Every structure is written in C-alpha cells, then in structure tokens.
C-alpha cells in the first residue's frame, strides 16, 4: 500500500492548543478542510487487531479470519464517535490501521463495507464533492447514532454542512440549534425540518435538538 512522501503531518490530538480558545475555535472550524486538502489521512483503530489481514470489498467469500477482522472493523469505536464522521467523509485518501499499526485497508478498498455500516452513500465516500447532492436530513441521519459531548454534536458537523460558527463550550444542546440556524442561512433545503417528532415528544420548536431525530430519514431528497 504505497503512500506519498510527506514533509509534514497534522495530528488532531497533538496539533491543537486546547488551552487557547482562539486556536481551538480556528482548528475546529478548519478541520474538515484540513482533511479534505490532505494528501492522505490515517485512521488508527485502537480496538481492532487485524492479525495481519488486509480487507477489501470483493465478490469472493471471506475466510473465517477475514470475517472476524471485518466484524471487528465495523464494530470499532471509531465508527461511533461524532468527530470521526468528517474524518471519514472529507479525505480523498484514507487508510485504516489496526492497533498494531498494520494496514487494514483503504476507504476505497472498503467502500461498500463502510457504506453498509454508516449508511453513507458510496459515491460520497468516494468523492466528498457529492455531499452537495445529499439532503440536509440525510447528512443529519449519518450522525444520529454517533456519541460525543453535547456541544461537539454540532461542532463536529460544521464541515459536513459547510458552515462556520464560534465555539461556546458550556452552551450544551443550544449548539445544535445554532448549527441549524447557520445551515438555514446558506441552504434552502427544507428537509432540515423533516425530523421525527416522536424522537423528541416534548419539543415544540421548529428545529430538532438532536441528530437522532433524523435517524429514519436517511433517504430523503432535498426539498
């Protein structure tokens, strides 16, 4: 699996000064662009042991060992975190490694497996420019089961919707409302309002309070 010669690397857990509000805000608002413009990105799945198996989507039956590794891959915590959604969608090239730094496969190699796990359309996984043809509701549904702190539910989705906003840690769920307000400013897609009321029975507002309210709208077209 050949990788380009690189002179610099950016690591989100190291290269953000979390003691600086301005640095953290700039990084969060720019992270999607960093991933999008990177020559290559690496995702380390620390809870997966690939046992030397490299995975690829094909029509041939997997070996029992490959089946076990594929199951571990799709059940990795990485796929349940809020922040990793943009890490998955944005990069042109993304290579997955197991906890021993052994390659598991690329996003292209595993496109169908990832699409089945995340419900993100294969064309979007192959080309992030295709985000523009996905409705707001569909993009929200990708985050429905992902977990993160209340404010980061919104902040981790900024790049997915192409918007920016200031970080206000401590505002809790209000951040997700602000995210939707920013989306309204740049999009006329009314699917933003197509969330499931039964998911938030005590919400009498126009905007959803959680991405989970969009969970069942993974195939709705822009309206």
Protein backbone atom coordinates (compact mmCIF):
# COMPACT_ATOMS: atom_id res chain seq x y z
CA UNK A 1 0.00 0.00 0.00
CA UNK A 2 2.08 2.89 -1.32
CA UNK A 3 1.93 6.28 0.40
CA UNK A 4 3.32 9.59 -0.87
CA UNK A 5 6.46 11.17 0.52
CA UNK A 6 5.32 13.71 3.10
CA UNK A 7 7.17 16.58 4.74
CA UNK A 8 4.52 17.48 7.34
CA UNK A 9 1.83 15.71 9.34
CA UNK A 10 -1.12 17.18 11.25
CA UNK A 11 -2.47 15.18 14.19
CA UNK A 12 -5.66 16.44 15.82
CA UNK A 13 -4.73 15.18 19.29
CA UNK A 14 -1.36 16.97 19.19
CA UNK A 15 -1.60 19.99 16.90
CA UNK A 16 -4.46 21.84 18.63
CA UNK A 17 -3.62 24.03 21.63
CA UNK A 18 -6.68 23.25 23.74
CA UNK A 19 -5.68 25.89 26.30
CA UNK A 20 -6.23 28.58 23.65
CA UNK A 21 -9.86 29.35 22.86
CA UNK A 22 -8.96 31.03 19.57
CA UNK A 23 -6.69 28.18 18.45
CA UNK A 24 -9.30 25.58 19.32
CA UNK A 25 -12.05 27.52 17.53
CA UNK A 26 -9.92 28.01 14.42
CA UNK A 27 -8.93 24.34 14.34
CA UNK A 28 -12.49 23.08 14.77
CA UNK A 29 -13.79 25.38 12.04
CA UNK A 30 -10.94 24.34 9.72
CA UNK A 31 -10.57 20.61 10.44
CA UNK A 32 -12.80 19.44 7.61
CA UNK A 33 -10.75 21.49 5.17
CA UNK A 34 -7.51 20.06 6.60
CA UNK A 35 -8.76 16.53 5.96
CA UNK A 36 -10.13 17.44 2.55
CA UNK A 37 -6.87 19.01 1.35
CA UNK A 38 -4.56 16.39 2.87
CA UNK A 39 -2.61 14.16 0.50
CA UNK A 40 -3.50 11.17 2.66
CA UNK A 41 -5.11 10.53 6.06
CA UNK A 42 -4.57 7.70 8.52
CA UNK A 43 -7.11 6.32 11.00
CA UNK A 44 -5.78 4.12 13.82
CA UNK A 45 -8.42 1.74 15.19
CA UNK A 46 -7.01 1.02 18.63
CA UNK A 47 -9.64 -1.59 19.46
CA UNK A 48 -9.06 -3.71 16.34
CA UNK A 49 -6.43 -6.42 15.92
CA UNK A 50 -6.22 -7.24 12.24
CA UNK A 51 -3.94 -10.26 12.69
CA UNK A 52 -2.14 -9.25 9.52
CA UNK A 53 -5.30 -9.43 7.38
CA UNK A 54 -5.88 -6.70 4.81
CA UNK A 55 -9.54 -6.24 3.95
CA UNK A 56 -11.05 -5.43 0.58
CA UNK A 57 -14.59 -5.49 -0.78
CA UNK A 58 -14.99 -8.19 -3.43
CA UNK A 59 -17.42 -10.83 -4.59
CA UNK A 60 -15.35 -13.72 -3.27
CA UNK A 61 -16.24 -15.30 0.10
CA UNK A 62 -14.10 -14.12 3.03
CA UNK A 63 -12.03 -16.58 5.02
CA UNK A 64 -13.15 -17.13 8.63
CA UNK A 65 -10.23 -14.99 9.80
CA UNK A 66 -11.13 -12.18 7.40
CA UNK A 67 -14.78 -12.35 8.53
CA UNK A 68 -13.68 -11.93 12.16
CA UNK A 69 -11.46 -8.96 11.27
CA UNK A 70 -14.19 -7.36 9.16
CA UNK A 71 -16.64 -7.69 12.08
CA UNK A 72 -14.10 -6.10 14.41
CA UNK A 73 -13.52 -3.33 11.88
CA UNK A 74 -17.21 -2.42 11.53
CA UNK A 75 -17.68 -2.57 15.33
CA UNK A 76 -14.70 -0.31 16.04
CA UNK A 77 -15.41 2.65 18.34
CA UNK A 78 -14.12 4.91 15.56
CA UNK A 79 -17.43 4.46 13.73
CA UNK A 80 -19.49 5.58 16.73
CA UNK A 81 -17.66 8.83 17.54
CA UNK A 82 -19.05 12.18 16.45
CA UNK A 83 -15.77 13.69 15.32
CA UNK A 84 -14.82 10.83 13.03
CA UNK A 85 -17.70 11.43 10.63
CA UNK A 86 -15.83 14.26 8.93
CA UNK A 87 -12.60 12.24 9.17
CA UNK A 88 -14.37 9.56 7.13
CA UNK A 89 -16.10 11.74 4.53
CA UNK A 90 -13.59 14.52 3.81
CA UNK A 91 -10.30 12.80 2.82
CA UNK A 92 -9.60 11.80 -0.75
CA UNK A 93 -7.33 9.02 0.54
CA UNK A 94 -7.89 7.38 3.91
CA UNK A 95 -6.01 4.32 5.17
CA UNK A 96 -7.17 2.32 8.19
CA UNK A 97 -4.65 0.71 10.54
CA UNK A 98 -5.20 -1.66 13.44
CA UNK A 99 -3.87 -1.20 16.98
CA UNK A 100 -0.51 -2.62 15.92
CA UNK A 101 -0.14 -0.15 13.05
CA UNK A 102 -0.81 -2.89 10.50
CA UNK A 103 -2.86 -1.76 7.48
CA UNK A 104 -6.44 -3.00 7.31
CA UNK A 105 -7.38 -1.40 4.00
CA UNK A 106 -8.28 1.94 2.48
CA UNK A 107 -11.59 3.77 2.32
CA UNK A 108 -11.74 2.84 -1.38
CA UNK A 109 -10.96 -0.82 -0.63
CA UNK A 110 -13.74 -0.99 1.95
CA UNK A 111 -16.25 1.44 0.45
CA UNK A 112 -19.20 -0.98 0.39
CA UNK A 113 -18.50 -2.30 3.89
CA UNK A 114 -18.30 1.25 5.26
CA UNK A 115 -21.43 2.32 3.38
CA UNK A 116 -23.36 -0.60 4.88
CA UNK A 117 -22.14 0.28 8.36
CA UNK A 118 -22.66 4.06 8.21
CA UNK A 119 -25.48 4.42 5.65
CA UNK A 120 -23.35 6.98 3.83
CA UNK A 121 -23.75 6.62 0.07
CA UNK A 122 -20.72 5.02 -1.66
CA UNK A 123 -20.48 7.96 -4.10
CA UNK A 124 -19.99 10.32 -1.14
CA UNK A 125 -17.32 8.08 0.37
CA UNK A 126 -15.51 8.08 -2.96
CA UNK A 127 -15.93 11.81 -3.61
CA UNK A 128 -16.80 14.28 -0.85
CA UNK A 129 -17.91 16.77 -3.51
CA UNK A 130 -21.05 14.62 -3.76
CA UNK A 131 -22.13 15.97 -0.37
CA UNK A 132 -23.87 18.78 -2.22
CA UNK A 133 -26.44 16.37 -3.70
CA UNK A 134 -27.31 14.88 -0.29
CA UNK A 135 -30.17 16.48 1.58
CA UNK A 136 -29.70 18.12 4.96
CA UNK A 137 -31.83 15.38 6.55
CA UNK A 138 -29.68 12.63 5.04
CA UNK A 139 -26.47 14.23 6.31
CA UNK A 140 -28.02 14.65 9.76
CA UNK A 141 -29.02 10.97 9.77
CA UNK A 142 -25.35 9.97 9.44
CA UNK A 143 -24.74 11.48 12.89
CA UNK A 144 -27.85 10.03 14.51
CA UNK A 145 -26.10 7.23 16.41
CA UNK A 146 -22.73 8.90 16.99
CA UNK A 147 -21.72 9.91 20.50
CA UNK A 148 -19.87 12.96 21.76
CA UNK A 149 -20.26 15.77 24.30
CA UNK A 150 -23.37 17.96 23.80
CA UNK A 151 -21.62 20.92 22.16
CA UNK A 152 -19.50 18.73 19.91
CA UNK A 153 -22.62 17.16 18.43
CA UNK A 154 -22.85 20.42 16.50
CA UNK A 155 -19.21 21.42 16.22
CA UNK A 156 -18.22 18.09 14.68
CA UNK A 157 -20.73 18.63 11.85
CA UNK A 158 -19.63 22.07 10.69
CA UNK A 159 -17.65 20.79 7.70
CA UNK A 160 -20.37 18.34 6.69
CA UNK A 161 -22.69 21.30 6.17
CA UNK A 162 -20.13 23.85 5.02
CA UNK A 163 -20.81 26.37 7.77
CA UNK A 164 -18.77 28.07 10.49
CA UNK A 165 -19.69 29.32 13.94
CA UNK A 166 -17.94 30.31 17.17
CA UNK A 167 -17.30 27.73 19.89
CA UNK A 168 -19.17 28.30 23.16
CA UNK A 169 -18.38 25.36 25.41
CA UNK A 170 -20.91 25.27 28.20
CA UNK A 171 -23.91 26.05 25.98
CA UNK A 172 -24.89 22.38 25.78
CA UNK A 173 -27.63 21.49 23.30
CA UNK A 174 -28.02 25.09 22.20
CA UNK A 175 -25.03 24.48 19.91
CA UNK A 176 -27.10 22.11 17.74
CA UNK A 177 -29.81 24.75 17.41
CA UNK A 178 -27.18 27.30 16.36
CA UNK A 179 -25.83 24.83 13.80
CA UNK A 180 -29.26 24.53 12.20
CA UNK A 181 -29.68 28.31 12.22
CA UNK A 182 -26.38 28.63 10.32
CA UNK A 183 -27.50 25.97 7.82
CA UNK A 184 -30.70 27.92 7.16
CA UNK A 185 -28.58 30.94 6.18
CA UNK A 186 -26.82 29.06 3.36
CA UNK A 187 -29.36 26.43 2.25
CA UNK A 188 -32.96 26.44 1.06
CA UNK A 189 -33.31 22.68 1.61
CA UNK A 190 -36.46 22.26 3.69
CA UNK A 191 -35.56 18.69 4.65
CA UNK A 192 -33.90 20.31 7.67
CA UNK A 193 -37.41 20.43 9.12
CA UNK A 194 -38.21 16.78 8.29
CA UNK A 195 -37.18 15.40 11.65
CA UNK A 196 -39.16 12.81 13.58
CA UNK A 197 -41.29 14.45 16.26
CA UNK A 198 -41.75 11.16 18.14
CA UNK A 199 -38.00 11.20 18.82
CA UNK A 200 -38.44 14.47 20.73
CA UNK A 201 -42.03 14.40 22.04
CA UNK A 202 -41.54 17.38 24.37
CA UNK A 203 -40.02 19.59 21.66
CA UNK A 204 -42.49 22.17 20.36
CA UNK A 205 -39.97 24.16 18.34
CA UNK A 206 -39.25 24.24 14.62
CA UNK A 207 -35.73 22.81 14.93
CA UNK A 208 -34.60 19.41 16.23
CA UNK A 209 -32.49 19.20 19.36
CA UNK A 210 -30.52 16.07 18.43
CA UNK A 211 -29.35 14.38 15.19
CA UNK A 212 -31.18 11.24 16.37
CA UNK A 213 -34.44 12.91 15.31
CA UNK A 214 -33.28 12.44 11.68
CA UNK A 215 -32.37 8.76 12.08
CA UNK A 216 -35.18 7.42 9.86
CA UNK A 217 -34.66 9.99 7.08
CA UNK A 218 -31.51 8.55 5.54
CA UNK A 219 -33.01 8.51 2.02
CA UNK A 220 -34.99 11.75 1.82
CA UNK A 221 -34.20 14.01 -1.16
CA UNK A 222 -33.62 17.76 -0.93
CA UNK A 223 -36.96 19.58 -0.77
